[in-house]
Protein backbone atom coordinates (compact mmCIF):
# COMPACT_ATOMS: atom_id res chain seq x y z
CA MET A 1 134.53 -2.45 -74.15
CA SER A 2 132.55 0.05 -76.21
CA SER A 3 132.45 0.97 -79.86
CA VAL A 4 132.83 4.48 -81.23
CA ASP A 5 132.22 4.74 -85.00
CA GLY A 6 132.73 0.98 -85.14
CA ARG A 7 136.08 1.10 -83.36
CA PHE A 8 136.55 -0.71 -80.08
CA THR A 9 137.94 1.34 -77.24
CA ASN A 10 138.51 0.85 -73.53
CA ARG A 11 135.52 1.17 -71.18
CA TRP A 12 136.47 -1.39 -68.57
CA GLN A 13 137.37 -0.53 -65.03
CA MET A 14 140.85 -1.67 -64.06
CA THR A 15 143.41 -1.00 -61.40
CA ILE A 16 147.07 -0.19 -61.84
CA GLY A 17 149.17 -3.33 -62.06
CA ASP A 18 146.16 -5.60 -62.68
CA PHE A 19 146.29 -6.91 -66.24
CA SER A 20 143.14 -9.05 -65.97
CA GLN A 21 141.28 -7.02 -68.59
CA GLN A 22 144.33 -6.65 -70.84
CA ALA A 23 145.75 -10.17 -70.92
CA ASP A 24 144.50 -10.93 -74.43
CA ALA A 25 145.94 -7.72 -75.90
CA TYR A 26 149.17 -8.25 -73.97
CA GLY A 27 149.69 -11.77 -75.29
CA SER A 28 148.99 -10.85 -78.90
CA ALA A 29 150.75 -7.50 -79.14
CA ARG A 30 153.80 -7.30 -76.87
CA PRO A 31 157.19 -7.78 -78.56
CA GLY A 32 159.64 -10.61 -78.04
CA TYR A 33 163.30 -10.20 -77.16
CA PRO A 34 166.41 -10.26 -79.36
CA VAL A 35 168.36 -13.50 -79.46
CA GLY A 36 171.59 -11.67 -78.67
CA ILE A 37 170.29 -10.40 -75.33
CA VAL A 38 169.03 -13.83 -74.35
CA ASP A 39 172.38 -15.40 -75.18
CA GLN A 40 174.27 -12.74 -73.20
CA LEU A 41 172.05 -13.25 -70.16
CA LEU A 42 172.50 -17.01 -70.36
CA SER A 43 176.25 -16.43 -70.42
CA ASP A 44 176.00 -14.12 -67.38
CA ALA A 45 174.03 -16.77 -65.50
CA ARG A 46 176.24 -19.71 -66.57
CA VAL A 47 173.23 -22.01 -66.89
CA ASN A 48 173.04 -25.17 -68.96
CA PRO A 49 170.21 -27.16 -70.56
CA GLY A 50 168.21 -28.90 -67.87
CA ASP A 51 168.94 -26.32 -65.16
CA SER A 52 166.06 -25.00 -63.06
CA VAL A 53 165.32 -21.32 -63.61
CA VAL A 54 162.53 -19.01 -62.48
CA ASP A 55 160.84 -16.41 -64.68
CA PHE A 56 159.30 -13.82 -62.33
CA GLY A 57 156.36 -11.79 -63.62
CA ALA A 58 156.10 -14.25 -66.52
CA GLY A 59 152.89 -12.70 -67.82
CA THR A 60 151.71 -14.53 -70.93
CA GLY A 61 154.98 -16.42 -71.31
CA ILE A 62 156.77 -14.31 -73.92
CA PHE A 63 160.19 -14.70 -72.30
CA THR A 64 159.28 -18.06 -70.77
CA ARG A 65 159.09 -19.65 -74.21
CA LEU A 66 162.58 -18.40 -75.06
CA LEU A 67 163.90 -20.14 -71.95
CA LEU A 68 162.07 -23.34 -72.80
CA ASP A 69 163.50 -23.27 -76.31
CA ARG A 70 166.93 -23.43 -74.66
CA HIS A 71 165.88 -26.60 -72.82
CA LEU A 72 165.78 -25.06 -69.36
CA GLN A 73 163.39 -26.23 -66.66
CA VAL A 74 161.25 -23.13 -66.13
CA ALA A 75 159.13 -22.14 -63.16
CA ALA A 76 156.93 -19.30 -64.47
CA VAL A 77 155.79 -17.15 -61.54
CA GLU A 78 152.82 -14.90 -62.35
CA PRO A 79 150.21 -13.49 -59.93
CA ASN A 80 147.45 -12.84 -62.48
CA LEU A 81 145.16 -15.72 -63.48
CA SER A 82 144.10 -14.10 -66.76
CA MET A 83 147.72 -13.64 -67.83
CA ARG A 84 148.56 -17.24 -66.94
CA ALA A 85 145.52 -18.42 -68.91
CA GLN A 86 146.76 -16.64 -72.04
CA ALA A 87 150.20 -18.23 -71.89
CA ASN A 88 149.46 -21.47 -73.77
CA CYS A 89 152.84 -22.65 -72.57
CA ASP A 90 152.39 -26.01 -70.85
CA ARG A 91 156.06 -27.00 -70.86
CA ALA A 92 156.69 -24.54 -68.02
CA THR A 93 155.54 -25.04 -64.45
CA TRP A 94 153.13 -22.17 -63.85
CA ILE A 95 152.98 -20.86 -60.29
CA GLU A 96 150.72 -18.27 -58.71
CA GLY A 97 153.14 -15.99 -56.92
CA SER A 98 154.97 -12.70 -57.04
CA PHE A 99 158.37 -11.11 -56.61
CA GLU A 100 157.64 -10.57 -52.95
CA ARG A 101 156.08 -13.96 -52.20
CA CYS A 102 157.18 -17.02 -54.15
CA PRO A 103 156.40 -20.63 -53.12
CA LEU A 104 159.63 -22.05 -54.55
CA ALA A 105 162.00 -23.79 -52.15
CA ASP A 106 165.14 -22.19 -50.73
CA GLU A 107 168.18 -22.31 -53.04
CA SER A 108 166.25 -24.27 -55.67
CA GLN A 109 166.93 -22.16 -58.79
CA SER A 110 170.05 -21.71 -60.91
CA TRP A 111 168.91 -18.39 -62.38
CA ALA A 112 166.13 -15.84 -61.85
CA VAL A 113 164.97 -13.45 -64.54
CA ALA A 114 162.29 -10.76 -64.89
CA ALA A 115 161.39 -9.55 -68.38
CA GLN A 116 159.37 -6.31 -68.61
CA ALA A 117 158.23 -6.83 -65.04
CA PHE A 118 160.55 -5.79 -62.22
CA HIS A 119 159.27 -2.19 -62.22
CA TRP A 120 156.12 -3.61 -60.59
CA ALA A 121 158.12 -5.06 -57.68
CA ASP A 122 158.92 -3.62 -54.28
CA PRO A 123 162.71 -4.10 -54.31
CA ALA A 124 163.05 -3.98 -50.52
CA THR A 125 160.86 -7.08 -50.23
CA ALA A 126 161.46 -8.69 -53.61
CA LEU A 127 165.26 -8.84 -53.63
CA PRO A 128 165.55 -10.83 -50.38
CA GLU A 129 162.90 -13.25 -51.68
CA ILE A 130 164.69 -13.72 -55.01
CA HIS A 131 167.96 -14.22 -53.12
CA ARG A 132 166.25 -16.91 -51.04
CA VAL A 133 165.18 -19.07 -54.00
CA LEU A 134 168.52 -18.78 -55.83
CA ARG A 135 171.39 -21.17 -55.37
CA PRO A 136 174.70 -19.72 -54.06
CA GLN A 137 176.50 -17.45 -56.55
CA SER A 138 173.54 -17.54 -58.95
CA VAL A 139 172.39 -14.53 -60.96
CA PHE A 140 169.25 -12.38 -61.13
CA SER A 141 168.65 -10.63 -64.47
CA VAL A 142 166.15 -7.93 -65.39
CA LEU A 143 165.38 -6.59 -68.86
CA TRP A 144 163.01 -4.26 -70.67
CA ASN A 145 162.10 -3.48 -74.25
CA ASN A 146 162.14 0.32 -74.48
CA ARG A 147 160.70 1.99 -77.57
CA SER A 148 163.19 4.12 -79.50
CA VAL A 149 160.93 7.09 -80.15
CA GLU A 150 163.07 8.97 -82.66
CA ASP A 151 163.60 5.92 -84.89
CA CYS A 152 159.94 5.44 -85.87
CA ALA A 153 157.66 8.27 -87.03
CA ALA A 154 154.49 6.44 -85.93
CA VAL A 155 155.84 5.88 -82.42
CA LYS A 156 156.91 9.51 -82.15
CA TRP A 157 153.45 10.64 -83.28
CA THR A 158 151.85 8.28 -80.77
CA GLU A 159 153.91 9.51 -77.84
CA ASP A 160 153.19 13.14 -78.82
CA ALA A 161 149.49 12.25 -78.84
CA ILE A 162 149.78 10.74 -75.37
CA ARG A 163 151.36 13.96 -74.11
CA ARG A 164 148.42 15.93 -75.58
CA HIS A 165 145.77 13.72 -74.03
CA VAL A 166 147.48 12.56 -70.82
CA PRO A 167 150.17 15.16 -70.06
CA GLU A 168 150.93 13.75 -66.60
CA PHE A 169 151.77 10.28 -67.96
CA ALA A 170 155.40 9.16 -67.64
CA GLU A 171 157.13 5.78 -67.70
CA ALA A 172 159.45 6.74 -64.89
CA TYR A 173 160.99 3.29 -64.60
CA ARG A 174 162.96 3.92 -67.79
CA GLN A 175 164.96 6.56 -65.97
CA ARG A 176 165.72 4.48 -62.88
CA SER A 177 169.25 3.43 -62.04
CA TRP A 178 168.69 -0.31 -62.04
CA ASN A 179 172.31 -0.92 -61.01
CA CYS A 180 171.57 0.90 -57.76
CA VAL A 181 168.19 -0.76 -57.32
CA LEU A 182 169.60 -4.27 -57.70
CA GLU A 183 172.32 -3.55 -55.16
CA SER A 184 170.07 -1.59 -52.79
CA THR A 185 169.38 -4.32 -50.21
CA GLY A 186 172.86 -5.87 -50.10
CA HIS A 187 171.67 -9.20 -51.50
CA PHE A 188 173.18 -8.77 -54.99
CA ARG A 189 176.21 -7.19 -56.64
CA MET A 190 176.18 -5.92 -60.21
CA LEU A 191 177.68 -8.22 -62.80
CA ALA A 192 176.89 -6.95 -66.31
CA THR A 193 174.71 -4.67 -68.42
CA HIS A 194 173.66 -5.14 -72.04
CA VAL A 195 171.81 -3.18 -74.73
CA LYS A 196 170.68 -4.46 -78.11
CA GLN A 197 168.42 -2.77 -80.65
CA HIS A 198 165.84 -4.75 -82.58
CA VAL A 199 162.90 -4.01 -84.86
CA VAL A 200 159.44 -5.53 -84.48
CA SER A 201 157.15 -5.23 -87.51
CA MET A 202 153.54 -4.84 -86.39
CA SER A 203 150.29 -4.80 -88.28
CA ARG A 204 147.92 -1.90 -87.70
CA ASP A 205 145.77 -4.01 -85.41
CA ARG A 206 148.72 -5.29 -83.40
CA TYR A 207 150.03 -1.75 -82.96
CA LEU A 208 146.65 -0.63 -81.62
CA ALA A 209 146.52 -3.65 -79.31
CA LEU A 210 149.99 -2.74 -78.05
CA TRP A 211 148.56 0.46 -76.58
CA ARG A 212 145.43 -1.25 -75.28
CA SER A 213 147.78 -3.55 -73.34
CA HIS A 214 149.49 -0.63 -71.59
CA ASN A 215 148.18 -0.86 -68.04
CA ARG A 216 149.76 2.26 -66.58
CA LEU A 217 148.64 4.47 -69.48
CA ASN A 218 145.08 3.12 -69.27
CA ASN A 219 144.91 3.75 -65.56
CA ILE A 220 146.39 7.25 -65.56
CA ALA A 221 144.33 8.32 -68.58
CA GLY A 222 141.02 6.85 -67.41
CA PRO A 223 138.51 5.47 -69.93
CA GLU A 224 137.36 8.73 -71.54
CA ARG A 225 140.79 10.21 -72.18
CA PHE A 226 142.12 6.85 -73.33
CA ASP A 227 139.17 6.57 -75.77
CA ARG A 228 139.99 9.96 -77.27
CA PHE A 229 143.65 9.07 -77.63
CA PHE A 230 142.86 5.67 -79.10
CA ILE A 231 140.43 7.04 -81.71
CA GLU A 232 142.93 9.71 -82.75
CA LEU A 233 145.64 7.04 -83.08
CA SER A 234 143.36 4.83 -85.18
CA ASP A 235 142.50 7.80 -87.44
CA TYR A 236 146.19 8.67 -87.79
CA LEU A 237 147.07 5.14 -88.92
CA ASP A 238 144.17 5.07 -91.38
CA SER A 239 144.77 8.52 -92.85
CA ASN A 240 148.44 7.69 -93.41
CA GLN A 241 147.60 4.19 -94.73
CA LEU A 242 149.92 2.61 -92.19
CA GLU A 243 149.21 -1.10 -92.39
CA GLN A 244 152.63 -2.00 -90.99
CA ILE A 245 154.64 -0.19 -88.33
CA ASP A 246 158.28 -1.07 -87.75
CA VAL A 247 158.71 -0.39 -84.04
CA VAL A 248 162.33 0.04 -82.96
CA TYR A 249 163.19 -1.16 -79.47
CA ASN A 250 166.30 -0.87 -77.35
CA CYS A 251 166.34 -3.99 -75.22
CA GLU A 252 168.22 -3.13 -72.02
CA ALA A 253 169.31 -5.74 -69.48
CA TRP A 254 171.08 -5.91 -66.12
CA SER A 255 172.51 -8.97 -64.35
CA ALA A 256 173.45 -9.10 -60.67
CA GLN A 257 175.04 -11.95 -58.71
CA ARG A 258 173.72 -13.30 -55.44
CA ILE A 259 175.89 -12.33 -52.46
CA ASP A 260 176.45 -15.29 -50.19
CA ALA A 261 177.03 -14.95 -46.46
């Protein structure tokens, strides 16, 4: 990292999808998930305390901890060593693996879930693998926290700034038809969809770290453009004396049931 006028910015080299250089920011800044969504997904999956479940793309364990709090036996599958190291979540069984290649045994899991992660997967390869590790009639759930731009002035300003500095950037996964994706290989049928809004209050430093943790933006922008954006964002927060930002998220979730032969 480098410092411009005393402010740390991004100067590391990274590749898209590799969070090795962003694991610390990711673990400290990314939001949790609303209790209502978690409860609805548990109801979809019909799991009980003590059941074995797999959290794919577990990252730093944000969703993993919610599963553990509900007394589930969690296999946390995460390919990145730096992300696993930030988890500080020993109650889970941490496994180096991915959506496309998972070392869990056939039909060993009562539920599979991917929080803020399945957009990194190759569905054609991942869905058969997830089907393999699930028990008959079990459920695979995916969910994302999506920022509600119009409900927070700071977020709207930030996204306008991104368009100025990195006009080609787009989070295309937000527009994908996840119903169609989950059914695309014939291994799952749609079961339920859910949406719940929640507000995450962030300090100035956490809000800045939130954008440092954004792998796709960092990669598309490159270090120099990201630096310019980041400095402008820092100046905006300071000039408006924004020490707390209430970020509004729409948490969107989809559940699909395993199709058995």
